[in-house]
Amino acid sequence: MTQRPIIMSDKKDGDGDASVVVQTRPKTKRPPLYKVLLLNDDYTPMEFVVHVLERFFGMSHAQAFEIMLTVHKKGLAVVGVFSHEIAETKVTQVMDFARRHQHPLQCTMEKE
């Protein structure tokens, strides 16, 4: 955290006296954000990927279908940007859900 001084000066007429009040306010930095990525594989059904995007990332069917096609064609796609804790939770949820349904779908996160 960096400190930023606030200076207020008030010069009084006649006596030439100046008073200065200095306050410091902490300047907080935003926490870093993390991209959540889905990776393509040759075994996970496309409809399962669409379902994952709808369920865990709140996408409409059309949005999920478009992202799924990007994953399929380009090998990966960013499916959301979140704080570290939320990104980590999303990755865990997706990976657990895929394993329970016996799919090798991979989901990762990286700093933005």
C-alpha atoms as a PDB file:
ATOM      1  CA  MET A   1       0.000   0.000   0.000  1.00  0.00           C
ATOM      2  CA  THR A   2       1.285   3.438  -0.875  1.00  0.00           C
ATOM      3  CA  GLN A   3       0.520   6.570   1.114  1.00  0.00           C
ATOM      4  CA  ARG A   4      -0.754   9.685  -0.632  1.00  0.00           C
ATOM      5  CA  PRO A   5      -0.530  12.961   1.355  1.00  0.00           C
ATOM      6  CA  ILE A   6      -3.336  15.468   1.307  1.00  0.00           C
ATOM      7  CA  ILE A   7      -2.180  19.013   1.986  1.00  0.00           C
ATOM      8  CA  MET A   8      -4.479  21.871   2.793  1.00  0.00           C
ATOM      9  CA  SER A   9      -3.058  25.377   3.199  1.00  0.00           C
ATOM     10  CA  ASP A  10      -4.912  28.321   4.721  1.00  0.00           C
ATOM     11  CA  LYS A  11      -3.228  31.717   4.701  1.00  0.00           C
ATOM     12  CA  LYS A  12      -4.853  34.258   7.021  1.00  0.00           C
ATOM     13  CA  ASP A  13      -5.123  37.855   5.926  1.00  0.00           C
ATOM     14  CA  GLY A  14      -3.006  40.332   7.781  1.00  0.00           C
ATOM     15  CA  ASP A  15      -0.809  38.187  10.001  1.00  0.00           C
ATOM     16  CA  GLY A  16       1.071  36.213   7.299  1.00  0.00           C
ATOM     17  CA  ASP A  17       0.615  32.987   9.275  1.00  0.00           C
ATOM     18  CA  ALA A  18       0.083  29.807   7.251  1.00  0.00           C
ATOM     19  CA  SER A  19      -1.083  26.551   8.738  1.00  0.00           C
ATOM     20  CA  VAL A  20      -0.691  23.191   6.994  1.00  0.00           C
ATOM     21  CA  VAL A  21      -2.648  20.060   7.799  1.00  0.00           C
ATOM     22  CA  VAL A  22      -1.260  16.822   6.418  1.00  0.00           C
ATOM     23  CA  GLN A  23      -3.341  13.657   6.309  1.00  0.00           C
ATOM     24  CA  THR A  24      -2.372  10.380   4.713  1.00  0.00           C
ATOM     25  CA  ARG A  25      -4.863   8.029   3.136  1.00  0.00           C
ATOM     26  CA  PRO A  26      -3.865   4.512   2.256  1.00  0.00           C
ATOM     27  CA  LYS A  27      -4.147   3.871  -1.465  1.00  0.00           C
ATOM     28  CA  THR A  28      -5.292   0.288  -1.880  1.00  0.00           C
ATOM     29  CA  LYS A  29      -4.416  -1.805  -4.889  1.00  0.00           C
ATOM     30  CA  ARG A  30      -6.986  -3.977  -6.589  1.00  0.00           C
ATOM     31  CA  PRO A  31      -6.297  -7.694  -6.170  1.00  0.00           C
ATOM     32  CA  PRO A  32      -4.960  -9.433  -9.277  1.00  0.00           C
ATOM     33  CA  LEU A  33      -7.481 -11.160 -11.521  1.00  0.00           C
ATOM     34  CA  TYR A  34      -7.203 -14.644 -12.972  1.00  0.00           C
ATOM     35  CA  LYS A  35      -8.398 -16.038 -16.286  1.00  0.00           C
ATOM     36  CA  VAL A  36     -10.173 -19.386 -16.187  1.00  0.00           C
ATOM     37  CA  LEU A  37      -9.424 -21.453 -19.296  1.00  0.00           C
ATOM     38  CA  LEU A  38     -10.999 -24.559 -20.777  1.00  0.00           C
ATOM     39  CA  LEU A  39      -8.700 -26.806 -22.808  1.00  0.00           C
ATOM     40  CA  ASN A  40      -9.716 -28.950 -25.757  1.00  0.00           C
ATOM     41  CA  ASP A  41      -9.424 -32.730 -25.775  1.00  0.00           C
ATOM     42  CA  ASP A  42     -10.535 -35.398 -28.226  1.00  0.00           C
ATOM     43  CA  TYR A  43     -12.884 -37.213 -25.856  1.00  0.00           C
ATOM     44  CA  THR A  44     -15.163 -34.823 -23.961  1.00  0.00           C
ATOM     45  CA  PRO A  45     -18.465 -34.404 -25.843  1.00  0.00           C
ATOM     46  CA  MET A  46     -19.208 -30.894 -27.068  1.00  0.00           C
ATOM     47  CA  GLU A  47     -22.628 -30.909 -25.423  1.00  0.00           C
ATOM     48  CA  PHE A  48     -20.991 -31.672 -22.049  1.00  0.00           C
ATOM     49  CA  VAL A  49     -18.725 -28.627 -22.457  1.00  0.00           C
ATOM     50  CA  VAL A  50     -21.786 -26.493 -23.272  1.00  0.00           C
ATOM     51  CA  HIS A  51     -23.489 -27.817 -20.137  1.00  0.00           C
ATOM     52  CA  VAL A  52     -20.419 -26.980 -17.991  1.00  0.00           C
ATOM     53  CA  LEU A  53     -20.327 -23.413 -19.344  1.00  0.00           C
ATOM     54  CA  GLU A  54     -24.023 -22.907 -18.650  1.00  0.00           C
ATOM     55  CA  ARG A  55     -23.911 -24.467 -15.186  1.00  0.00           C
ATOM     56  CA  PHE A  56     -20.683 -23.054 -13.738  1.00  0.00           C
ATOM     57  CA  PHE A  57     -20.246 -19.813 -15.666  1.00  0.00           C
ATOM     58  CA  GLY A  58     -23.877 -18.703 -16.036  1.00  0.00           C
ATOM     59  CA  MET A  59     -23.762 -18.510 -19.823  1.00  0.00           C
ATOM     60  CA  SER A  60     -26.756 -18.730 -22.086  1.00  0.00           C
ATOM     61  CA  HIS A  61     -26.919 -21.726 -24.409  1.00  0.00           C
ATOM     62  CA  ALA A  62     -25.846 -19.548 -27.357  1.00  0.00           C
ATOM     63  CA  GLN A  63     -22.856 -18.066 -25.470  1.00  0.00           C
ATOM     64  CA  ALA A  64     -21.809 -21.491 -24.200  1.00  0.00           C
ATOM     65  CA  PHE A  65     -22.045 -22.990 -27.689  1.00  0.00           C
ATOM     66  CA  GLU A  66     -19.881 -20.207 -29.134  1.00  0.00           C
ATOM     67  CA  ILE A  67     -17.198 -20.633 -26.437  1.00  0.00           C
ATOM     68  CA  MET A  68     -17.277 -24.410 -26.872  1.00  0.00           C
ATOM     69  CA  LEU A  69     -16.587 -23.959 -30.601  1.00  0.00           C
ATOM     70  CA  THR A  70     -13.660 -21.651 -29.775  1.00  0.00           C
ATOM     71  CA  VAL A  71     -12.226 -24.306 -27.434  1.00  0.00           C
ATOM     72  CA  HIS A  72     -12.719 -26.942 -30.134  1.00  0.00           C
ATOM     73  CA  LYS A  73     -11.142 -24.905 -32.952  1.00  0.00           C
ATOM     74  CA  LYS A  74      -8.368 -23.040 -31.113  1.00  0.00           C
ATOM     75  CA  GLY A  75      -7.517 -25.560 -28.389  1.00  0.00           C
ATOM     76  CA  LEU A  76      -8.500 -23.339 -25.475  1.00  0.00           C
ATOM     77  CA  ALA A  77     -10.648 -20.375 -24.521  1.00  0.00           C
ATOM     78  CA  VAL A  78     -10.973 -17.952 -21.644  1.00  0.00           C
ATOM     79  CA  VAL A  79     -14.339 -18.631 -20.013  1.00  0.00           C
ATOM     80  CA  GLY A  80     -14.175 -15.959 -17.301  1.00  0.00           C
ATOM     81  CA  VAL A  81     -11.988 -13.598 -15.287  1.00  0.00           C
ATOM     82  CA  PHE A  82     -12.259 -13.687 -11.506  1.00  0.00           C
ATOM     83  CA  SER A  83     -10.470 -13.035  -8.227  1.00  0.00           C
ATOM     84  CA  HIS A  84      -8.056 -15.788  -7.198  1.00  0.00           C
ATOM     85  CA  GLU A  85     -10.462 -17.521  -4.809  1.00  0.00           C
ATOM     86  CA  ILE A  86     -13.380 -17.538  -7.236  1.00  0.00           C
ATOM     87  CA  ALA A  87     -11.207 -18.691 -10.155  1.00  0.00           C
ATOM     88  CA  GLU A  88      -9.789 -21.492  -8.029  1.00  0.00           C
ATOM     89  CA  THR A  89     -13.293 -22.564  -6.995  1.00  0.00           C
ATOM     90  CA  LYS A  90     -14.528 -22.566 -10.610  1.00  0.00           C
ATOM     91  CA  VAL A  91     -11.573 -24.695 -11.740  1.00  0.00           C
ATOM     92  CA  THR A  92     -12.164 -27.186  -8.927  1.00  0.00           C
ATOM     93  CA  GLN A  93     -15.910 -27.372  -9.631  1.00  0.00           C
ATOM     94  CA  VAL A  94     -15.385 -27.988 -13.350  1.00  0.00           C
ATOM     95  CA  MET A  95     -12.652 -30.576 -12.822  1.00  0.00           C
ATOM     96  CA  ASP A  96     -14.668 -32.467 -10.181  1.00  0.00           C
ATOM     97  CA  PHE A  97     -17.807 -32.404 -12.340  1.00  0.00           C
ATOM     98  CA  ALA A  98     -15.886 -33.681 -15.377  1.00  0.00           C
ATOM     99  CA  ARG A  99     -14.267 -36.508 -13.372  1.00  0.00           C
ATOM    100  CA  ARG A 100     -17.636 -37.554 -11.885  1.00  0.00           C
ATOM    101  CA  HIS A 101     -18.947 -37.867 -15.450  1.00  0.00           C
ATOM    102  CA  GLN A 102     -15.753 -39.643 -16.576  1.00  0.00           C
ATOM    103  CA  HIS A 103     -14.595 -36.945 -18.998  1.00  0.00           C
ATOM    104  CA  PRO A 104     -10.976 -35.766 -19.307  1.00  0.00           C
ATOM    105  CA  LEU A 105     -11.966 -32.078 -19.646  1.00  0.00           C
ATOM    106  CA  GLN A 106      -9.207 -29.791 -18.354  1.00  0.00           C
ATOM    107  CA  CYS A 107      -9.778 -26.411 -16.739  1.00  0.00           C
ATOM    108  CA  THR A 108      -6.949 -24.154 -15.581  1.00  0.00           C
ATOM    109  CA  MET A 109      -6.360 -20.628 -14.371  1.00  0.00           C
ATOM    110  CA  GLU A 110      -3.633 -18.082 -14.984  1.00  0.00           C
ATOM    111  CA  LYS A 111      -2.911 -14.574 -13.803  1.00  0.00           C
ATOM    112  CA  GLU A 112      -4.253 -11.909 -16.102  1.00  0.00           C
END
